[in-house]
PDB file of N, CA and C in Angstrom:
ATOM      1  N   MET A   1      79.853  20.026 -18.481  1.00  0.00           N
ATOM      2  CA  MET A   1      79.506  18.959 -18.684  1.00  0.00           C
ATOM      3  C   MET A   1      79.481  17.877 -17.421  1.00  0.00           C
ATOM      4  N   SER A   2      78.528  17.569 -17.272  1.00  0.00           N
ATOM      5  CA  SER A   2      78.275  17.190 -15.694  1.00  0.00           C
ATOM      6  C   SER A   2      79.287  15.678 -15.868  1.00  0.00           C
ATOM      7  N   VAL A   3      79.687  14.808 -14.591  1.00  0.00           N
ATOM      8  CA  VAL A   3      79.403  14.144 -14.592  1.00  0.00           C
ATOM      9  C   VAL A   3      78.834  13.395 -13.561  1.00  0.00           C
ATOM     10  N   SER A   4      78.023  12.252 -13.992  1.00  0.00           N
ATOM     11  CA  SER A   4      77.669  11.296 -12.760  1.00  0.00           C
ATOM     12  C   SER A   4      77.875  10.454 -11.601  1.00  0.00           C
ATOM     13  N   THR A   5      77.618  10.716 -10.755  1.00  0.00           N
ATOM     14  CA  THR A   5      77.986   9.730  -9.864  1.00  0.00           C
ATOM     15  C   THR A   5      77.744   8.633  -9.397  1.00  0.00           C
ATOM     16  N   SER A   6      76.679   8.343  -9.933  1.00  0.00           N
ATOM     17  CA  SER A   6      75.559   7.311  -9.279  1.00  0.00           C
ATOM     18  C   SER A   6      76.193   5.887  -9.964  1.00  0.00           C
ATOM     19  N   ILE A   7      76.082   4.668  -9.559  1.00  0.00           N
ATOM     20  CA  ILE A   7      76.432   3.821  -9.108  1.00  0.00           C
ATOM     21  C   ILE A   7      75.386   2.709  -9.853  1.00  0.00           C
ATOM     22  N   PRO A   8      75.592   2.027 -10.543  1.00  0.00           N
ATOM     23  CA  PRO A   8      74.128   0.857 -11.258  1.00  0.00           C
ATOM     24  C   PRO A   8      74.336  -0.208  -9.970  1.00  0.00           C
ATOM     25  N   LYS A   9      73.236   0.134  -9.635  1.00  0.00           N
ATOM     26  CA  LYS A   9      72.184  -0.469  -9.111  1.00  0.00           C
ATOM     27  C   LYS A   9      72.611  -2.359  -8.443  1.00  0.00           C
ATOM     28  N   ASP A  10      73.032  -2.873  -9.989  1.00  0.00           N
ATOM     29  CA  ASP A  10      73.693  -4.344 -10.055  1.00  0.00           C
ATOM     30  C   ASP A  10      74.858  -4.079  -9.292  1.00  0.00           C
ATOM     31  N   LEU A  11      75.600  -3.095  -9.511  1.00  0.00           N
ATOM     32  CA  LEU A  11      76.941  -3.022  -9.136  1.00  0.00           C
ATOM     33  C   LEU A  11      76.934  -3.091  -7.340  1.00  0.00           C
ATOM     34  N   ILE A  12      75.877  -2.010  -7.374  1.00  0.00           N
ATOM     35  CA  ILE A  12      75.302  -2.150  -5.564  1.00  0.00           C
ATOM     36  C   ILE A  12      74.877  -3.454  -5.030  1.00  0.00           C
ATOM     37  N   ASN A  13      73.956  -4.218  -5.516  1.00  0.00           N
ATOM     38  CA  ASN A  13      73.089  -4.990  -4.854  1.00  0.00           C
ATOM     39  C   ASN A  13      74.637  -6.686  -4.946  1.00  0.00           C
ATOM     40  N   GLY A  14      75.344  -6.361  -5.889  1.00  0.00           N
ATOM     41  CA  GLY A  14      76.375  -7.433  -5.923  1.00  0.00           C
ATOM     42  C   GLY A  14      77.547  -7.642  -4.832  1.00  0.00           C
ATOM     43  N   ILE A  15      78.226  -5.998  -4.840  1.00  0.00           N
ATOM     44  CA  ILE A  15      79.066  -5.783  -3.046  1.00  0.00           C
ATOM     45  C   ILE A  15      77.840  -6.267  -2.297  1.00  0.00           C
ATOM     46  N   MET A  16      76.954  -5.755  -1.782  1.00  0.00           N
ATOM     47  CA  MET A  16      76.078  -6.311  -0.817  1.00  0.00           C
ATOM     48  C   MET A  16      76.063  -7.690  -0.678  1.00  0.00           C
ATOM     49  N   ASP A  17      75.843  -8.232  -1.404  1.00  0.00           N
ATOM     50  CA  ASP A  17      75.303 -10.130  -1.596  1.00  0.00           C
ATOM     51  C   ASP A  17      76.950 -10.452  -1.060  1.00  0.00           C
ATOM     52  N   LYS A  18      77.835 -10.029  -1.666  1.00  0.00           N
ATOM     53  CA  LYS A  18      78.961 -10.477  -1.210  1.00  0.00           C
ATOM     54  C   LYS A  18      79.217 -10.183   0.595  1.00  0.00           C
ATOM     55  N   ALA A  19      78.826  -8.980   1.132  1.00  0.00           N
ATOM     56  CA  ALA A  19      79.100  -8.398   2.184  1.00  0.00           C
ATOM     57  C   ALA A  19      78.984  -9.361   3.445  1.00  0.00           C
ATOM     58  N   LYS A  20      79.342  -9.055   4.620  1.00  0.00           N
ATOM     59  CA  LYS A  20      78.823  -9.906   5.847  1.00  0.00           C
ATOM     60  C   LYS A  20      78.036  -9.274   6.961  1.00  0.00           C
ATOM     61  N   VAL A  21      78.394  -7.952   6.739  1.00  0.00           N
ATOM     62  CA  VAL A  21      78.152  -7.162   7.609  1.00  0.00           C
ATOM     63  C   VAL A  21      77.873  -4.982   7.215  1.00  0.00           C
ATOM     64  N   PHE A  22      76.923  -4.050   7.303  1.00  0.00           N
ATOM     65  CA  PHE A  22      76.889  -3.259   7.111  1.00  0.00           C
ATOM     66  C   PHE A  22      77.078  -2.142   8.228  1.00  0.00           C
ATOM     67  N   LEU A  23      78.151  -1.622   7.930  1.00  0.00           N
ATOM     68  CA  LEU A  23      78.290  -0.297   8.473  1.00  0.00           C
ATOM     69  C   LEU A  23      77.938   1.110   7.679  1.00  0.00           C
ATOM     70  N   HIS A  24      76.896   1.840   8.795  1.00  0.00           N
ATOM     71  CA  HIS A  24      76.480   3.297   8.343  1.00  0.00           C
ATOM     72  C   HIS A  24      77.080   3.931   8.567  1.00  0.00           C
ATOM     73  N   ALA A  25      78.129   5.041   8.491  1.00  0.00           N
ATOM     74  CA  ALA A  25      78.766   6.125   8.877  1.00  0.00           C
ATOM     75  C   ALA A  25      78.664   6.704   8.900  1.00  0.00           C
ATOM     76  N   THR A  26      77.096   7.607   8.558  1.00  0.00           N
ATOM     77  CA  THR A  26      76.610   8.997   8.452  1.00  0.00           C
ATOM     78  C   THR A  26      75.693   9.188  10.011  1.00  0.00           C
ATOM     79  N   ILE A  27      76.178  10.067  10.284  1.00  0.00           N
ATOM     80  CA  ILE A  27      75.813  11.050  12.012  1.00  0.00           C
ATOM     81  C   ILE A  27      74.248  11.577  11.351  1.00  0.00           C
ATOM     82  N   ASN A  28      73.172  11.318  12.291  1.00  0.00           N
ATOM     83  CA  ASN A  28      72.037  12.295  12.094  1.00  0.00           C
ATOM     84  C   ASN A  28      71.720  12.422  10.911  1.00  0.00           C
ATOM     85  N   GLU A  29      71.917  10.572  10.234  1.00  0.00           N
ATOM     86  CA  GLU A  29      70.714  11.086   8.841  1.00  0.00           C
ATOM     87  C   GLU A  29      69.630  10.523   9.152  1.00  0.00           C
ATOM     88  N   HIS A  30      68.320  11.112   8.217  1.00  0.00           N
ATOM     89  CA  HIS A  30      67.403  11.338   8.784  1.00  0.00           C
ATOM     90  C   HIS A  30      66.454   9.626   8.906  1.00  0.00           C
ATOM     91  N   TRP A  31      66.460   8.783   7.976  1.00  0.00           N
ATOM     92  CA  TRP A  31      66.170   7.522   7.825  1.00  0.00           C
ATOM     93  C   TRP A  31      67.137   6.719   7.081  1.00  0.00           C
ATOM     94  N   GLY A  32      67.585   6.821   5.744  1.00  0.00           N
ATOM     95  CA  GLY A  32      68.989   5.788   5.212  1.00  0.00           C
ATOM     96  C   GLY A  32      68.430   4.639   4.578  1.00  0.00           C
ATOM     97  N   ILE A  33      68.280   5.269   3.338  1.00  0.00           N
ATOM     98  CA  ILE A  33      67.658   3.578   2.376  1.00  0.00           C
ATOM     99  C   ILE A  33      68.456   3.067   2.105  1.00  0.00           C
ATOM    100  N   ALA A  34      69.785   3.265   2.197  1.00  0.00           N
ATOM    101  CA  ALA A  34      70.908   2.033   2.508  1.00  0.00           C
ATOM    102  C   ALA A  34      70.986   1.355   3.235  1.00  0.00           C
ATOM    103  N   VAL A  35      70.475   1.611   4.710  1.00  0.00           N
ATOM    104  CA  VAL A  35      70.743   1.069   5.562  1.00  0.00           C
ATOM    105  C   VAL A  35      69.524  -0.547   5.222  1.00  0.00           C
ATOM    106  N   ALA A  36      68.362   0.370   4.688  1.00  0.00           N
ATOM    107  CA  ALA A  36      67.242  -0.777   4.778  1.00  0.00           C
ATOM    108  C   ALA A  36      67.470  -1.565   3.321  1.00  0.00           C
ATOM    109  N   GLU A  37      67.762  -1.092   2.471  1.00  0.00           N
ATOM    110  CA  GLU A  37      68.717  -1.609   1.585  1.00  0.00           C
ATOM    111  C   GLU A  37      69.325  -3.167   1.888  1.00  0.00           C
ATOM    112  N   ALA A  38      70.176  -3.121   2.658  1.00  0.00           N
ATOM    113  CA  ALA A  38      71.246  -4.041   3.271  1.00  0.00           C
ATOM    114  C   ALA A  38      70.204  -4.626   4.237  1.00  0.00           C
ATOM    115  N   MET A  39      69.329  -3.889   5.233  1.00  0.00           N
ATOM    116  CA  MET A  39      68.351  -4.937   6.077  1.00  0.00           C
ATOM    117  C   MET A  39      67.823  -6.527   4.627  1.00  0.00           C
ATOM    118  N   ALA A  40      67.452  -5.743   3.849  1.00  0.00           N
ATOM    119  CA  ALA A  40      66.448  -6.663   3.142  1.00  0.00           C
ATOM    120  C   ALA A  40      67.082  -7.496   2.460  1.00  0.00           C
ATOM    121  N   ARG A  41      68.822  -7.224   2.302  1.00  0.00           N
ATOM    122  CA  ARG A  41      69.814  -8.425   2.009  1.00  0.00           C
ATOM    123  C   ARG A  41      70.061  -9.153   2.992  1.00  0.00           C
ATOM    124  N   GLY A  42      69.605  -8.836   4.555  1.00  0.00           N
ATOM    125  CA  GLY A  42      70.627  -9.979   5.130  1.00  0.00           C
ATOM    126  C   GLY A  42      71.244  -9.345   5.907  1.00  0.00           C
ATOM    127  N   LEU A  43      71.595  -8.423   5.517  1.00  0.00           N
ATOM    128  CA  LEU A  43      73.157  -8.110   6.064  1.00  0.00           C
ATOM    129  C   LEU A  43      72.696  -7.363   7.863  1.00  0.00           C
ATOM    130  N   PRO A  44      73.251  -7.888   8.768  1.00  0.00           N
ATOM    131  CA  PRO A  44      73.702  -7.199   9.941  1.00  0.00           C
ATOM    132  C   PRO A  44      73.985  -5.582   9.824  1.00  0.00           C
ATOM    133  N   VAL A  45      73.231  -4.881  10.231  1.00  0.00           N
ATOM    134  CA  VAL A  45      73.711  -3.627  10.438  1.00  0.00           C
ATOM    135  C   VAL A  45      73.885  -3.083  11.490  1.00  0.00           C
ATOM    136  N   THR A  46      75.162  -2.162  11.089  1.00  0.00           N
ATOM    137  CA  THR A  46      75.677  -1.136  12.249  1.00  0.00           C
ATOM    138  C   THR A  46      75.857   0.449  12.041  1.00  0.00           C
ATOM    139  N   VAL A  47      74.868   1.257  12.641  1.00  0.00           N
ATOM    140  CA  VAL A  47      74.847   2.700  12.446  1.00  0.00           C
ATOM    141  C   VAL A  47      74.844   3.580  13.379  1.00  0.00           C
ATOM    142  N   HIS A  48      75.329   4.786  13.587  1.00  0.00           N
ATOM    143  CA  HIS A  48      75.502   5.098  14.579  1.00  0.00           C
ATOM    144  C   HIS A  48      74.209   5.615  15.508  1.00  0.00           C
ATOM    145  N   ARG A  49      74.151   5.836  16.521  1.00  0.00           N
ATOM    146  CA  ARG A  49      73.056   6.362  17.483  1.00  0.00           C
ATOM    147  C   ARG A  49      72.666   7.526  17.494  1.00  0.00           C
ATOM    148  N   SER A  50      72.147   7.966  16.463  1.00  0.00           N
ATOM    149  CA  SER A  50      71.653   9.111  16.282  1.00  0.00           C
ATOM    150  C   SER A  50      71.003   9.011  15.048  1.00  0.00           C
ATOM    151  N   GLY A  51      69.813   9.763  15.106  1.00  0.00           N
ATOM    152  CA  GLY A  51      68.968  10.501  13.720  1.00  0.00           C
ATOM    153  C   GLY A  51      68.184   8.815  13.053  1.00  0.00           C
ATOM    154  N   GLY A  52      67.454   8.969  12.216  1.00  0.00           N
ATOM    155  CA  GLY A  52      66.413   7.787  12.135  1.00  0.00           C
ATOM    156  C   GLY A  52      67.328   6.541  12.077  1.00  0.00           C
ATOM    157  N   THR A  53      68.440   6.405  11.297  1.00  0.00           N
ATOM    158  CA  THR A  53      68.829   5.118  11.355  1.00  0.00           C
ATOM    159  C   THR A  53      68.615   4.051  12.291  1.00  0.00           C
ATOM    160  N   TRP A  54      68.787   4.841  13.267  1.00  0.00           N
ATOM    161  CA  TRP A  54      69.023   4.422  14.515  1.00  0.00           C
ATOM    162  C   TRP A  54      67.641   3.830  15.198  1.00  0.00           C
ATOM    163  N   SER A  55      66.802   5.160  15.370  1.00  0.00           N
ATOM    164  CA  SER A  55      65.447   5.189  15.627  1.00  0.00           C
ATOM    165  C   SER A  55      64.478   4.579  15.481  1.00  0.00           C
ATOM    166  N   ASP A  56      64.296   4.283  13.577  1.00  0.00           N
ATOM    167  CA  ASP A  56      63.466   3.309  12.448  1.00  0.00           C
ATOM    168  C   ASP A  56      64.227   2.493  12.176  1.00  0.00           C
ATOM    169  N   LEU A  57      65.359   2.518  11.805  1.00  0.00           N
ATOM    170  CA  LEU A  57      65.506   1.366  11.444  1.00  0.00           C
ATOM    171  C   LEU A  57      66.311   0.396  12.111  1.00  0.00           C
ATOM    172  N   ALA A  58      67.342   0.589  13.067  1.00  0.00           N
ATOM    173  CA  ALA A  58      67.390  -0.465  13.553  1.00  0.00           C
ATOM    174  C   ALA A  58      67.078  -0.512  15.124  1.00  0.00           C
ATOM    175  N   GLY A  59      65.992   0.500  15.486  1.00  0.00           N
ATOM    176  CA  GLY A  59      64.758   0.123  16.294  1.00  0.00           C
ATOM    177  C   GLY A  59      65.547   0.358  17.768  1.00  0.00           C
ATOM    178  N   GLU A  60      66.666   1.031  17.623  1.00  0.00           N
ATOM    179  CA  GLU A  60      67.470   1.098  18.883  1.00  0.00           C
ATOM    180  C   GLU A  60      67.775  -0.074  19.454  1.00  0.00           C
ATOM    181  N   GLY A  61      68.614  -0.734  19.039  1.00  0.00           N
ATOM    182  CA  GLY A  61      69.281  -1.336  19.229  1.00  0.00           C
ATOM    183  C   GLY A  61      68.258  -3.128  18.954  1.00  0.00           C
ATOM    184  N   ILE A  62      67.042  -3.169  18.298  1.00  0.00           N
ATOM    185  CA  ILE A  62      65.919  -4.072  18.095  1.00  0.00           C
ATOM    186  C   ILE A  62      66.288  -4.952  16.924  1.00  0.00           C
ATOM    187  N   TYR A  63      66.977  -4.346  15.770  1.00  0.00           N
ATOM    188  CA  TYR A  63      67.122  -5.079  14.692  1.00  0.00           C
ATOM    189  C   TYR A  63      68.386  -4.710  14.014  1.00  0.00           C
ATOM    190  N   GLY A  64      69.585  -3.406  15.071  1.00  0.00           N
ATOM    191  CA  GLY A  64      70.730  -3.600  14.140  1.00  0.00           C
ATOM    192  C   GLY A  64      71.681  -3.112  15.657  1.00  0.00           C
ATOM    193  N   LEU A  65      72.600  -3.120  15.380  1.00  0.00           N
ATOM    194  CA  LEU A  65      74.030  -2.972  16.336  1.00  0.00           C
ATOM    195  C   LEU A  65      74.240  -1.189  16.055  1.00  0.00           C
ATOM    196  N   SER A  66      74.983  -0.540  17.100  1.00  0.00           N
ATOM    197  CA  SER A  66      75.357   0.791  17.102  1.00  0.00           C
ATOM    198  C   SER A  66      76.308   1.016  17.750  1.00  0.00           C
ATOM    199  N   TYR A  67      76.820   2.187  17.543  1.00  0.00           N
ATOM    200  CA  TYR A  67      78.415   2.888  18.067  1.00  0.00           C
ATOM    201  C   TYR A  67      77.831   4.270  18.013  1.00  0.00           C
ATOM    202  N   THR A  68      79.018   5.040  18.746  1.00  0.00           N
ATOM    203  CA  THR A  68      79.098   6.360  18.915  1.00  0.00           C
ATOM    204  C   THR A  68      79.946   6.831  18.889  1.00  0.00           C
ATOM    205  N   THR A  69      81.613   6.148  18.883  1.00  0.00           N
ATOM    206  CA  THR A  69      82.899   6.376  18.309  1.00  0.00           C
ATOM    207  C   THR A  69      83.406   5.076  17.358  1.00  0.00           C
ATOM    208  N   SER A  70      83.848   5.874  16.744  1.00  0.00           N
ATOM    209  CA  SER A  70      85.039   5.092  15.882  1.00  0.00           C
ATOM    210  C   SER A  70      85.525   3.559  16.536  1.00  0.00           C
ATOM    211  N   GLU A  71      85.667   3.465  17.678  1.00  0.00           N
ATOM    212  CA  GLU A  71      86.357   2.356  18.138  1.00  0.00           C
ATOM    213  C   GLU A  71      84.794   1.695  18.601  1.00  0.00           C
ATOM    214  N   GLU A  72      83.528   1.886  18.811  1.00  0.00           N
ATOM    215  CA  GLU A  72      82.635   1.299  19.006  1.00  0.00           C
ATOM    216  C   GLU A  72      82.438   0.784  17.893  1.00  0.00           C
ATOM    217  N   ALA A  73      82.237   0.896  16.569  1.00  0.00           N
ATOM    218  CA  ALA A  73      81.979   0.911  15.415  1.00  0.00           C
ATOM    219  C   ALA A  73      82.592  -0.481  14.789  1.00  0.00           C
ATOM    220  N   VAL A  74      84.188  -0.069  15.398  1.00  0.00           N
ATOM    221  CA  VAL A  74      84.518  -1.479  14.807  1.00  0.00           C
ATOM    222  C   VAL A  74      84.525  -2.912  15.994  1.00  0.00           C
ATOM    223  N   GLU A  75      84.314  -2.405  17.324  1.00  0.00           N
ATOM    224  CA  GLU A  75      83.893  -3.273  18.103  1.00  0.00           C
ATOM    225  C   GLU A  75      82.702  -3.951  17.632  1.00  0.00           C
ATOM    226  N   MET A  76      81.571  -2.969  17.369  1.00  0.00           N
ATOM    227  CA  MET A  76      80.399  -3.692  16.693  1.00  0.00           C
ATOM    228  C   MET A  76      80.438  -4.915  15.491  1.00  0.00           C
ATOM    229  N   ILE A  77      81.511  -4.761  14.565  1.00  0.00           N
ATOM    230  CA  ILE A  77      82.054  -4.913  13.355  1.00  0.00           C
ATOM    231  C   ILE A  77      82.497  -6.312  13.846  1.00  0.00           C
ATOM    232  N   SER A  78      83.583  -6.017  15.264  1.00  0.00           N
ATOM    233  CA  SER A  78      83.911  -7.289  14.749  1.00  0.00           C
ATOM    234  C   SER A  78      83.431  -8.207  15.783  1.00  0.00           C
ATOM    235  N   LYS A  79      82.259  -8.102  17.086  1.00  0.00           N
ATOM    236  CA  LYS A  79      81.233  -9.253  17.243  1.00  0.00           C
ATOM    237  C   LYS A  79      80.338  -9.623  16.465  1.00  0.00           C
ATOM    238  N   VAL A  80      79.766  -8.931  15.448  1.00  0.00           N
ATOM    239  CA  VAL A  80      79.526  -9.657  13.955  1.00  0.00           C
ATOM    240  C   VAL A  80      79.816 -10.615  13.596  1.00  0.00           C
ATOM    241  N   LEU A  81      80.996 -10.394  13.186  1.00  0.00           N
ATOM    242  CA  LEU A  81      81.969 -11.498  12.374  1.00  0.00           C
ATOM    243  C   LEU A  81      82.896 -12.028  13.008  1.00  0.00           C
ATOM    244  N   SER A  82      82.839 -12.224  14.117  1.00  0.00           N
ATOM    245  CA  SER A  82      83.667 -13.445  15.157  1.00  0.00           C
ATOM    246  C   SER A  82      82.838 -14.737  15.523  1.00  0.00           C
ATOM    247  N   ASP A  83      81.523 -13.884  15.702  1.00  0.00           N
ATOM    248  CA  ASP A  83      80.274 -14.839  16.706  1.00  0.00           C
ATOM    249  C   ASP A  83      79.346 -14.678  15.596  1.00  0.00           C
ATOM    250  N   SER A  84      79.008 -16.496  15.327  1.00  0.00           N
ATOM    251  CA  SER A  84      78.281 -16.788  14.092  1.00  0.00           C
ATOM    252  C   SER A  84      76.803 -16.786  14.887  1.00  0.00           C
ATOM    253  N   SER A  85      76.684 -16.843  16.029  1.00  0.00           N
ATOM    254  CA  SER A  85      75.276 -16.718  16.664  1.00  0.00           C
ATOM    255  C   SER A  85      74.768 -15.498  16.554  1.00  0.00           C
ATOM    256  N   THR A  86      75.728 -14.639  17.078  1.00  0.00           N
ATOM    257  CA  THR A  86      75.647 -12.658  16.980  1.00  0.00           C
ATOM    258  C   THR A  86      74.982 -12.642  15.123  1.00  0.00           C
ATOM    259  N   TRP A  87      75.977 -12.866  14.492  1.00  0.00           N
ATOM    260  CA  TRP A  87      75.499 -12.933  12.551  1.00  0.00           C
ATOM    261  C   TRP A  87      73.915 -13.304  12.785  1.00  0.00           C
ATOM    262  N   ARG A  88      73.874 -14.244  12.912  1.00  0.00           N
ATOM    263  CA  ARG A  88      72.534 -15.300  12.537  1.00  0.00           C
ATOM    264  C   ARG A  88      71.225 -14.456  12.767  1.00  0.00           C
ATOM    265  N   TYR A  89      71.487 -13.461  14.138  1.00  0.00           N
ATOM    266  CA  TYR A  89      70.558 -13.157  14.776  1.00  0.00           C
ATOM    267  C   TYR A  89      70.437 -12.031  14.404  1.00  0.00           C
ATOM    268  N   TYR A  90      71.256 -11.118  14.063  1.00  0.00           N
ATOM    269  CA  TYR A  90      70.853  -9.452  13.417  1.00  0.00           C
ATOM    270  C   TYR A  90      70.785  -9.466  11.811  1.00  0.00           C
ATOM    271  N   SER A  91      70.965 -10.844  11.493  1.00  0.00           N
ATOM    272  CA  SER A  91      70.750 -11.199   9.784  1.00  0.00           C
ATOM    273  C   SER A  91      69.064 -11.201   9.168  1.00  0.00           C
ATOM    274  N   THR A  92      69.093 -11.928  10.710  1.00  0.00           N
ATOM    275  CA  THR A  92      67.510 -12.677  11.106  1.00  0.00           C
ATOM    276  C   THR A  92      66.598 -11.165  11.253  1.00  0.00           C
ATOM    277  N   LYS A  93      66.885 -10.564  12.398  1.00  0.00           N
ATOM    278  CA  LYS A  93      66.289  -9.344  12.574  1.00  0.00           C
ATOM    279  C   LYS A  93      66.540  -8.288  11.392  1.00  0.00           C
ATOM    280  N   SER A  94      67.097  -8.093  10.578  1.00  0.00           N
ATOM    281  CA  SER A  94      67.618  -7.294   9.494  1.00  0.00           C
ATOM    282  C   SER A  94      66.167  -7.167   8.577  1.00  0.00           C
ATOM    283  N   ILE A  95      66.162  -8.485   8.144  1.00  0.00           N
ATOM    284  CA  ILE A  95      65.064  -9.415   7.371  1.00  0.00           C
ATOM    285  C   ILE A  95      63.867  -9.189   8.237  1.00  0.00           C
ATOM    286  N   GLU A  96      63.639  -9.340   8.798  1.00  0.00           N
ATOM    287  CA  GLU A  96      62.357  -9.291   9.995  1.00  0.00           C
ATOM    288  C   GLU A  96      62.164  -7.706   9.794  1.00  0.00           C
ATOM    289  N   ARG A  97      63.028  -6.837  10.295  1.00  0.00           N
ATOM    290  CA  ARG A  97      62.468  -5.186  10.203  1.00  0.00           C
ATOM    291  C   ARG A  97      62.336  -4.517   8.725  1.00  0.00           C
ATOM    292  N   ALA A  98      63.002  -5.085   7.645  1.00  0.00           N
ATOM    293  CA  ALA A  98      63.060  -4.594   6.553  1.00  0.00           C
ATOM    294  C   ALA A  98      61.594  -5.591   5.283  1.00  0.00           C
ATOM    295  N   ARG A  99      61.118  -6.523   6.016  1.00  0.00           N
ATOM    296  CA  ARG A  99      59.818  -6.816   5.739  1.00  0.00           C
ATOM    297  C   ARG A  99      58.547  -5.957   6.153  1.00  0.00           C
ATOM    298  N   ASP A 100      58.533  -4.978   7.070  1.00  0.00           N
ATOM    299  CA  ASP A 100      57.838  -3.928   7.410  1.00  0.00           C
ATOM    300  C   ASP A 100      58.048  -2.385   7.018  1.00  0.00           C
ATOM    301  N   LEU A 101      58.828  -2.574   5.925  1.00  0.00           N
ATOM    302  CA  LEU A 101      59.278  -1.074   5.135  1.00  0.00           C
ATOM    303  C   LEU A 101      58.771  -1.451   3.588  1.00  0.00           C
ATOM    304  N   THR A 102      57.450  -1.686   3.517  1.00  0.00           N
ATOM    305  CA  THR A 102      56.652  -1.831   2.416  1.00  0.00           C
ATOM    306  C   THR A 102      55.787  -0.237   2.306  1.00  0.00           C
ATOM    307  N   PHE A 103      55.200   0.082   1.381  1.00  0.00           N
ATOM    308  CA  PHE A 103      54.274   1.085   1.394  1.00  0.00           C
ATOM    309  C   PHE A 103      52.937   1.027   1.829  1.00  0.00           C
ATOM    310  N   ASP A 104      52.685  -0.903   1.306  1.00  0.00           N
ATOM    311  CA  ASP A 104      51.470  -1.079   2.098  1.00  0.00           C
ATOM    312  C   ASP A 104      51.335  -1.110   4.050  1.00  0.00           C
ATOM    313  N   LYS A 105      52.344  -1.148   4.247  1.00  0.00           N
ATOM    314  CA  LYS A 105      52.577  -0.963   5.880  1.00  0.00           C
ATOM    315  C   LYS A 105      52.242   0.623   6.266  1.00  0.00           C
ATOM    316  N   PHE A 106      53.067   1.453   5.006  1.00  0.00           N
ATOM    317  CA  PHE A 106      53.281   2.553   5.529  1.00  0.00           C
ATOM    318  C   PHE A 106      51.639   2.847   5.291  1.00  0.00           C
ATOM    319  N   VAL A 107      51.164   2.650   4.753  1.00  0.00           N
ATOM    320  CA  VAL A 107      49.720   3.394   4.330  1.00  0.00           C
ATOM    321  C   VAL A 107      48.705   2.759   5.720  1.00  0.00           C
ATOM    322  N   GLU A 108      49.456   1.825   5.994  1.00  0.00           N
ATOM    323  CA  GLU A 108      48.699   1.049   7.154  1.00  0.00           C
ATOM    324  C   GLU A 108      48.758   1.968   8.252  1.00  0.00           C
ATOM    325  N   LYS A 109      50.015   2.201   8.721  1.00  0.00           N
ATOM    326  CA  LYS A 109      50.092   2.649   9.733  1.00  0.00           C
ATOM    327  C   LYS A 109      49.912   4.432   9.925  1.00  0.00           C
ATOM    328  N   ALA A 110      49.906   4.905   8.295  1.00  0.00           N
ATOM    329  CA  ALA A 110      49.693   6.612   8.644  1.00  0.00           C
ATOM    330  C   ALA A 110      48.410   6.503   9.039  1.00  0.00           C
ATOM    331  N   SER A 111      47.635   5.538   8.379  1.00  0.00           N
ATOM    332  CA  SER A 111      45.907   5.577   8.522  1.00  0.00           C
ATOM    333  C   SER A 111      45.442   5.840   9.861  1.00  0.00           C
ATOM    334  N   GLN A 112      46.184   4.726  10.330  1.00  0.00           N
ATOM    335  CA  GLN A 112      45.989   4.187  12.188  1.00  0.00           C
ATOM    336  C   GLN A 112      46.562   5.743  12.587  1.00  0.00           C
ATOM    337  N   LEU A 113      47.587   6.476  12.585  1.00  0.00           N
ATOM    338  CA  LEU A 113      47.475   7.330  13.104  1.00  0.00           C
ATOM    339  C   LEU A 113      46.556   8.660  12.935  1.00  0.00           C
ATOM    340  N   ILE A 114      46.101   8.617  11.492  1.00  0.00           N
ATOM    341  CA  ILE A 114      45.486   9.551  11.404  1.00  0.00           C
ATOM    342  C   ILE A 114      43.753   9.127  12.131  1.00  0.00           C
ATOM    343  N   LYS A 115      43.648   8.104  12.481  1.00  0.00           N
ATOM    344  CA  LYS A 115      41.954   7.828  13.014  1.00  0.00           C
ATOM    345  C   LYS A 115      42.453   7.990  13.979  1.00  0.00           C
ATOM    346  N   LYS A 116      43.586   7.885  14.633  1.00  0.00           N
ATOM    347  CA  LYS A 116      43.756   8.109  16.213  1.00  0.00           C
ATOM    348  C   LYS A 116      43.617   9.774  16.413  1.00  0.00           C
ATOM    349  N   ILE A 117      44.084  10.199  15.645  1.00  0.00           N
ATOM    350  CA  ILE A 117      43.807  11.730  15.756  1.00  0.00           C
ATOM    351  C   ILE A 117      42.496  12.437  15.445  1.00  0.00           C
ATOM    352  N   LEU A 118      42.107  11.535  14.643  1.00  0.00           N
ATOM    353  CA  LEU A 118      40.584  12.417  14.266  1.00  0.00           C
ATOM    354  C   LEU A 118      40.328  12.003  15.494  1.00  0.00           C
ATOM    355  N   TYR A 119      39.565  11.040  15.694  1.00  0.00           N
ATOM    356  CA  TYR A 119      38.675  10.588  17.018  1.00  0.00           C
ATOM    357  C   TYR A 119      38.900  10.141  17.925  1.00  0.00           C
ATOM    358  N   THR A 120      40.399  11.330  18.423  1.00  0.00           N
ATOM    359  CA  THR A 120      40.321  10.680  20.067  1.00  0.00           C
ATOM    360  C   THR A 120      40.594  12.229  20.927  1.00  0.00           C
TER     361      THR A 120
END
């Protein structure tokens, strides 16, 4: 007998809708769909300064905060929760970043890269 560990999507969305910040604790994650989903819901994100969550999603600090130690993670979360202007800034940045994470945008960027490779 197998046991499913999947959590229903509506439960995840309900929890994120009640949250004020999203902490991603995985180190060297390639991309991080959970981070992208949190950003789409307007949550300021705090990610480890490694992997794709840092470079591709948080934009190395443009769209989200980062940490390398647990103490830094606590500091970043405290900063967002205690300063409403910081919260608004990163919430807005999260939504801005999430708008670029569509299939059409992916195809457009991939096409540009392929043309650049073929014609240079």
